[in-house]
Protein backbone atom coordinates (compact mmCIF):
# COMPACT_ATOMS: atom_id res chain seq x y z
CA MET A 1 0.00 0.00 0.00
CA VAL A 2 1.32 3.45 -0.97
CA GLU A 3 1.29 5.86 1.94
CA ASN A 4 -0.23 9.28 1.21
CA ARG A 5 2.11 12.06 2.26
CA PRO A 6 0.61 15.48 1.46
CA LEU A 7 3.67 17.39 2.66
CA ALA A 8 6.00 15.46 0.35
CA THR A 9 3.58 15.98 -2.54
CA TYR A 10 3.39 19.72 -1.94
CA LEU A 11 7.17 19.95 -1.57
CA SER A 12 7.83 18.06 -4.79
CA HIS A 13 5.36 20.25 -6.69
CA PHE A 14 6.95 23.39 -5.22
CA VAL A 15 10.42 22.29 -6.31
CA LEU A 16 9.07 21.44 -9.77
CA LEU A 17 7.38 24.83 -10.14
CA LEU A 18 10.50 26.59 -8.88
CA GLY A 19 12.59 24.80 -11.49
CA ILE A 20 10.13 25.76 -14.23
CA ALA A 21 10.23 29.39 -13.10
CA VAL A 22 14.03 29.48 -13.11
CA VAL A 23 14.13 28.07 -16.65
CA ALA A 24 11.22 30.12 -18.02
CA PHE A 25 12.07 33.53 -16.51
CA PRO A 26 14.92 34.39 -18.93
CA ILE A 27 12.71 33.39 -21.86
CA TRP A 28 9.91 35.61 -20.54
CA VAL A 29 12.33 38.53 -20.17
CA THR A 30 13.47 37.98 -23.76
CA PHE A 31 9.86 38.00 -24.97
CA VAL A 32 9.04 41.15 -22.99
CA ALA A 33 12.15 42.96 -24.25
CA ALA A 34 11.25 42.01 -27.82
CA SER A 35 7.85 43.69 -27.44
CA HIS A 36 9.11 47.15 -26.37
CA ASP A 37 10.83 49.98 -28.24
CA ALA A 38 14.51 50.89 -27.95
CA VAL A 39 13.93 53.65 -25.39
CA ARG A 40 11.83 51.67 -22.91
CA ILE A 41 14.10 48.65 -22.89
CA THR A 42 17.03 50.77 -21.64
CA GLN A 43 15.09 52.36 -18.79
CA VAL A 44 15.22 51.21 -15.18
CA PRO A 45 13.47 49.16 -13.94
CA LEU A 46 13.37 46.61 -16.74
CA PRO A 47 9.76 46.01 -17.84
CA LEU A 48 8.26 42.64 -16.93
CA LEU A 49 5.03 43.01 -18.89
CA PRO A 50 4.75 42.86 -22.70
CA GLY A 51 4.59 46.05 -24.72
CA GLY A 52 2.91 46.91 -27.98
CA GLN A 53 5.86 46.87 -30.38
CA PHE A 54 6.19 43.10 -30.85
CA PHE A 55 5.03 42.86 -34.46
CA ALA A 56 6.84 46.05 -35.49
CA ASN A 57 10.09 44.68 -34.02
CA LEU A 58 9.44 41.33 -35.71
CA LYS A 59 9.07 43.02 -39.09
CA ASP A 60 12.23 45.09 -38.59
CA ALA A 61 14.29 42.07 -37.52
CA LEU A 62 13.15 39.90 -40.41
CA THR A 63 13.45 42.48 -43.18
CA VAL A 64 15.88 45.24 -42.17
CA GLY A 65 18.49 43.54 -39.99
CA VAL A 66 20.13 44.60 -36.78
CA GLY A 67 23.40 46.35 -35.83
CA ASN A 68 26.50 45.31 -37.81
CA ALA A 69 24.46 42.53 -39.41
CA ARG A 70 22.12 45.07 -41.02
CA GLU A 71 23.37 44.07 -44.47
CA GLN A 72 21.74 40.70 -43.91
CA SER A 73 18.21 40.16 -42.66
CA VAL A 74 17.46 37.82 -39.79
CA GLY A 75 15.25 35.82 -42.13
CA LEU A 76 18.22 34.91 -44.34
CA MET A 77 20.31 33.98 -41.30
CA LEU A 78 17.52 31.70 -40.12
CA ILE A 79 17.44 30.02 -43.54
CA ASN A 80 21.22 29.53 -43.47
CA SER A 81 21.05 27.97 -40.01
CA LEU A 82 18.15 25.74 -41.05
CA ILE A 83 19.96 24.46 -44.15
CA MET A 84 23.14 23.85 -42.18
CA ALA A 85 21.34 22.04 -39.35
CA LEU A 86 19.35 19.86 -41.77
CA MET A 87 22.45 18.94 -43.80
CA ILE A 88 24.34 17.99 -40.63
CA THR A 89 21.39 15.97 -39.31
CA VAL A 90 20.69 14.07 -42.53
CA GLY A 91 24.39 13.53 -43.20
CA LYS A 92 25.19 12.23 -39.72
CA ILE A 93 22.18 9.90 -39.66
CA SER A 94 22.88 8.51 -43.14
CA ILE A 95 26.59 7.89 -42.64
CA SER A 96 26.10 6.48 -39.14
CA LEU A 97 23.37 4.08 -40.29
CA LEU A 98 25.50 2.74 -43.12
CA SER A 99 28.67 2.44 -41.04
CA ALA A 100 26.84 0.65 -38.20
CA PHE A 101 25.17 -1.65 -40.75
CA ALA A 102 28.54 -2.57 -42.25
CA ILE A 103 30.16 -3.19 -38.86
CA VAL A 104 27.35 -5.41 -37.53
CA TYR A 105 26.29 -7.40 -40.61
CA PHE A 106 29.41 -7.72 -42.75
CA ARG A 107 32.45 -9.84 -41.98
CA PHE A 108 35.69 -8.28 -43.21
CA PRO A 109 39.27 -8.02 -41.86
CA PHE A 110 39.85 -5.58 -38.99
CA ARG A 111 36.10 -4.95 -38.68
CA MET A 112 36.23 -4.17 -34.95
CA GLY A 113 39.45 -2.24 -35.43
CA PHE A 114 37.66 0.13 -37.76
CA PHE A 115 34.82 0.44 -35.27
CA TRP A 116 37.20 1.45 -32.50
CA MET A 117 38.93 3.89 -34.81
CA ILE A 118 35.55 5.53 -35.36
CA PHE A 119 34.78 5.45 -31.65
CA ILE A 120 38.14 7.05 -30.71
CA THR A 121 37.21 10.12 -32.76
CA LEU A 122 34.95 11.08 -29.84
CA MET A 123 38.15 12.43 -28.29
CA LEU A 124 38.78 14.60 -31.37
CA PRO A 125 35.93 17.13 -31.67
CA VAL A 126 36.09 19.77 -34.36
CA GLU A 127 37.64 22.27 -31.92
CA VAL A 128 40.70 20.00 -31.53
CA ARG A 129 41.24 19.40 -35.26
CA ILE A 130 40.08 22.80 -36.40
CA LEU A 131 43.27 23.93 -38.18
CA PRO A 132 43.74 20.88 -40.45
CA THR A 133 39.99 20.75 -41.08
CA PHE A 134 39.97 24.40 -42.11
CA ALA A 135 42.95 23.81 -44.41
CA VAL A 136 41.17 20.92 -46.14
CA VAL A 137 37.96 22.92 -46.57
CA ALA A 138 39.88 25.91 -47.94
CA ASN A 139 41.87 23.76 -50.39
CA LEU A 140 38.65 22.18 -51.66
CA GLY A 141 37.15 25.62 -52.28
CA MET A 142 34.26 25.13 -49.85
CA LEU A 143 34.61 28.37 -47.89
CA ASP A 144 31.45 30.49 -47.77
CA SER A 145 29.25 27.58 -48.83
CA TYR A 146 26.73 25.26 -47.23
CA TRP A 147 29.03 22.31 -47.93
CA GLY A 148 31.86 23.98 -46.03
CA LEU A 149 29.53 24.67 -43.12
CA SER A 150 28.18 21.14 -42.94
CA VAL A 151 30.49 18.45 -44.34
CA PRO A 152 33.27 18.70 -41.69
CA LEU A 153 30.65 18.22 -38.93
CA ILE A 154 28.85 15.26 -40.50
CA ALA A 155 30.87 12.33 -39.13
CA SER A 156 29.45 11.10 -35.80
CA ALA A 157 30.97 8.35 -33.68
CA THR A 158 28.15 8.69 -31.14
CA ALA A 159 25.43 8.00 -33.72
CA THR A 160 27.42 5.09 -35.17
CA PHE A 161 27.79 3.54 -31.72
CA MET A 162 24.09 4.00 -30.95
CA PHE A 163 22.92 2.42 -34.21
CA ARG A 164 25.37 -0.45 -33.73
CA GLN A 165 23.82 -1.18 -30.34
CA VAL A 166 20.34 -1.05 -31.87
CA PHE A 167 21.28 -3.44 -34.69
CA LEU A 168 22.83 -5.88 -32.22
CA THR A 169 19.45 -6.24 -30.48
CA ILE A 170 17.68 -7.29 -33.70
CA PRO A 171 17.26 -11.12 -33.76
CA ASP A 172 19.41 -13.08 -36.20
CA GLU A 173 16.26 -14.91 -37.28
CA LEU A 174 15.15 -11.81 -39.18
CA LEU A 175 18.38 -11.85 -41.17
CA GLU A 176 17.98 -15.55 -41.93
CA ALA A 177 14.34 -15.03 -42.97
CA ALA A 178 15.39 -12.20 -45.29
CA ARG A 179 18.04 -14.42 -46.89
CA ILE A 180 15.53 -17.23 -47.42
CA ASP A 181 13.15 -14.76 -49.10
CA GLY A 182 15.97 -13.72 -51.43
CA ALA A 183 16.49 -10.22 -49.98
CA GLY A 184 19.92 -8.74 -50.56
CA PRO A 185 21.84 -6.66 -47.99
CA MET A 186 20.38 -3.30 -49.04
CA ARG A 187 16.86 -4.71 -49.22
CA PHE A 188 17.28 -6.05 -45.67
CA PHE A 189 18.62 -2.66 -44.62
CA LYS A 190 15.77 -0.70 -46.21
CA ASP A 191 12.82 -2.94 -45.40
CA ILE A 192 13.76 -4.27 -41.96
CA LEU A 193 16.50 -2.27 -40.25
CA LEU A 194 15.26 1.23 -41.08
CA PRO A 195 11.64 0.68 -39.93
CA MET A 196 12.86 -0.93 -36.70
CA SER A 197 15.23 1.99 -36.07
CA ARG A 198 12.62 4.69 -36.65
CA THR A 199 12.37 5.89 -33.04
CA ASN A 200 16.15 5.90 -32.61
CA ILE A 201 16.53 7.89 -35.82
CA ALA A 202 13.96 10.40 -34.53
CA ALA A 203 15.71 10.77 -31.16
CA LEU A 204 19.09 11.31 -32.78
CA SER A 205 17.60 13.70 -35.32
CA VAL A 206 16.41 16.00 -32.54
CA ILE A 207 19.80 15.97 -30.82
CA LEU A 208 21.76 16.47 -34.05
CA PHE A 209 19.48 19.23 -35.33
CA ILE A 210 20.02 21.24 -32.15
CA TYR A 211 23.76 20.49 -32.36
CA GLY A 212 23.92 21.84 -35.90
CA TRP A 213 21.67 24.83 -35.16
CA ASN A 214 23.81 26.01 -32.22
CA GLN A 215 27.18 25.84 -34.02
CA TYR A 216 29.17 29.05 -33.67
CA LEU A 217 32.94 28.51 -33.87
CA TRP A 218 33.07 26.56 -37.14
CA PRO A 219 30.71 28.87 -39.11
CA LEU A 220 32.70 31.83 -37.79
CA LEU A 221 35.88 30.42 -39.35
CA VAL A 222 34.60 29.32 -42.74
CA THR A 223 32.31 32.25 -43.58
CA THR A 224 33.42 35.75 -44.51
CA ASP A 225 30.48 36.55 -46.78
CA LYS A 226 27.69 38.09 -44.71
CA SER A 227 25.09 36.35 -46.86
CA MET A 228 26.29 33.05 -45.32
CA TYR A 229 26.01 34.13 -41.67
CA THR A 230 24.06 31.79 -39.40
CA ILE A 231 21.65 33.05 -36.76
CA VAL A 232 24.05 32.35 -33.87
CA MET A 233 26.79 34.29 -35.64
CA GLY A 234 24.32 37.06 -36.41
CA ILE A 235 23.37 37.56 -32.77
CA LYS A 236 27.05 37.96 -31.87
CA GLN A 237 27.51 40.48 -34.69
CA MET A 238 24.51 42.46 -33.47
CA LEU A 239 26.13 42.92 -30.08
CA GLU A 240 29.20 44.50 -31.71
CA ALA A 241 27.53 47.77 -32.54
CA ALA A 242 30.77 49.79 -32.77
CA GLU A 243 29.95 53.43 -32.02
CA GLU A 244 26.22 52.77 -31.77
CA SER A 245 24.45 51.38 -28.74
CA PRO A 246 23.09 47.85 -29.23
CA GLU A 247 19.48 47.70 -30.38
CA TRP A 248 18.43 45.46 -27.53
CA HIS A 249 14.78 45.21 -28.51
CA LEU A 250 15.71 43.84 -31.95
CA ILE A 251 18.49 41.66 -30.54
CA MET A 252 16.00 40.09 -28.13
CA MET A 253 13.54 39.56 -30.99
CA THR A 254 16.28 37.83 -32.99
CA THR A 255 17.15 35.67 -29.99
CA LEU A 256 13.50 34.72 -29.64
CA LEU A 257 13.35 33.75 -33.33
CA ALA A 258 16.55 31.72 -32.95
CA MET A 259 14.95 29.65 -30.17
CA LEU A 260 11.81 28.76 -32.11
CA PRO A 261 13.08 26.08 -34.57
CA PRO A 262 14.84 23.91 -31.92
CA VAL A 263 11.83 24.25 -29.60
CA ALA A 264 9.46 23.32 -32.43
CA VAL A 265 11.54 20.24 -33.30
CA VAL A 266 11.54 19.07 -29.68
CA VAL A 267 7.80 19.67 -29.23
CA PHE A 268 6.66 17.99 -32.45
CA MET A 269 9.02 15.02 -32.06
CA GLN A 270 8.71 14.65 -28.30
CA ASN A 271 7.02 11.23 -28.30
CA LEU A 272 9.44 9.68 -30.78
CA PHE A 273 12.35 11.32 -28.96
CA VAL A 274 11.39 9.77 -25.62
CA LYS A 275 10.74 6.36 -27.19
CA GLY A 276 14.07 6.43 -28.99
CA LEU A 277 15.94 7.03 -25.73
CA THR A 278 14.01 4.57 -23.59
CA GLU A 279 12.84 1.79 -25.88
CA THR A 280 14.89 -1.38 -25.55
CA GLU A 281 12.63 -4.16 -26.83
CA LYS A 282 12.28 -4.67 -30.57
């Protein structure tokens, strides 16, 4: 019998609400700041209730630009970030699926050696190998391009390891049944492995999309053309207003817009994301 403890229930709810408030308060301040004009947002005390300039600020941010990034609209920066994040997500998932499939289902010399070579790259993030990676990208003529932004970040040892573990849980009887039915390796991969890995693909897609969306250092190095700026780079450029004071109301609006795509991905894929992280039985 479960004992009813009202005090513990109230305390747990209080802690939960306190945590929500701590997380949500900066987002609320960002929303409020994005709804006021430039004069009010610099006055003390900082307003905590929305103003009436939200849609005007939204239009200015999307069409005119902000600060030193005024040559490029926020809308274009959002598109650049979206393309980069999608290319990284699709590329990582595709390469990781194929590499895990080869390691688990094909028998070739030094198979596990190659797997551990892939796994060891976890200790070599892009920040560690940034100089040789930049040299390769520059020599291939991929600076200021979506390929230069995305290709060096596509390889993923984490995703390869995760898909390998998923494939190892799939019964060998399915492979034997596919062979008896005359299915080749790619048919087995497409018709059996991919459908059974759907939730894992969804969970990784959410993580990798946010990873690609939040990239700052690598896009900063490989882009000099302002038309290729990503939204994270753009926010940093807006803060460097030179002789002008930062346009905080538009910066906060841009920050709010930058949060929307990752939040939307998490919300719409929440069920698949949770299943992909917790589901163990196939």
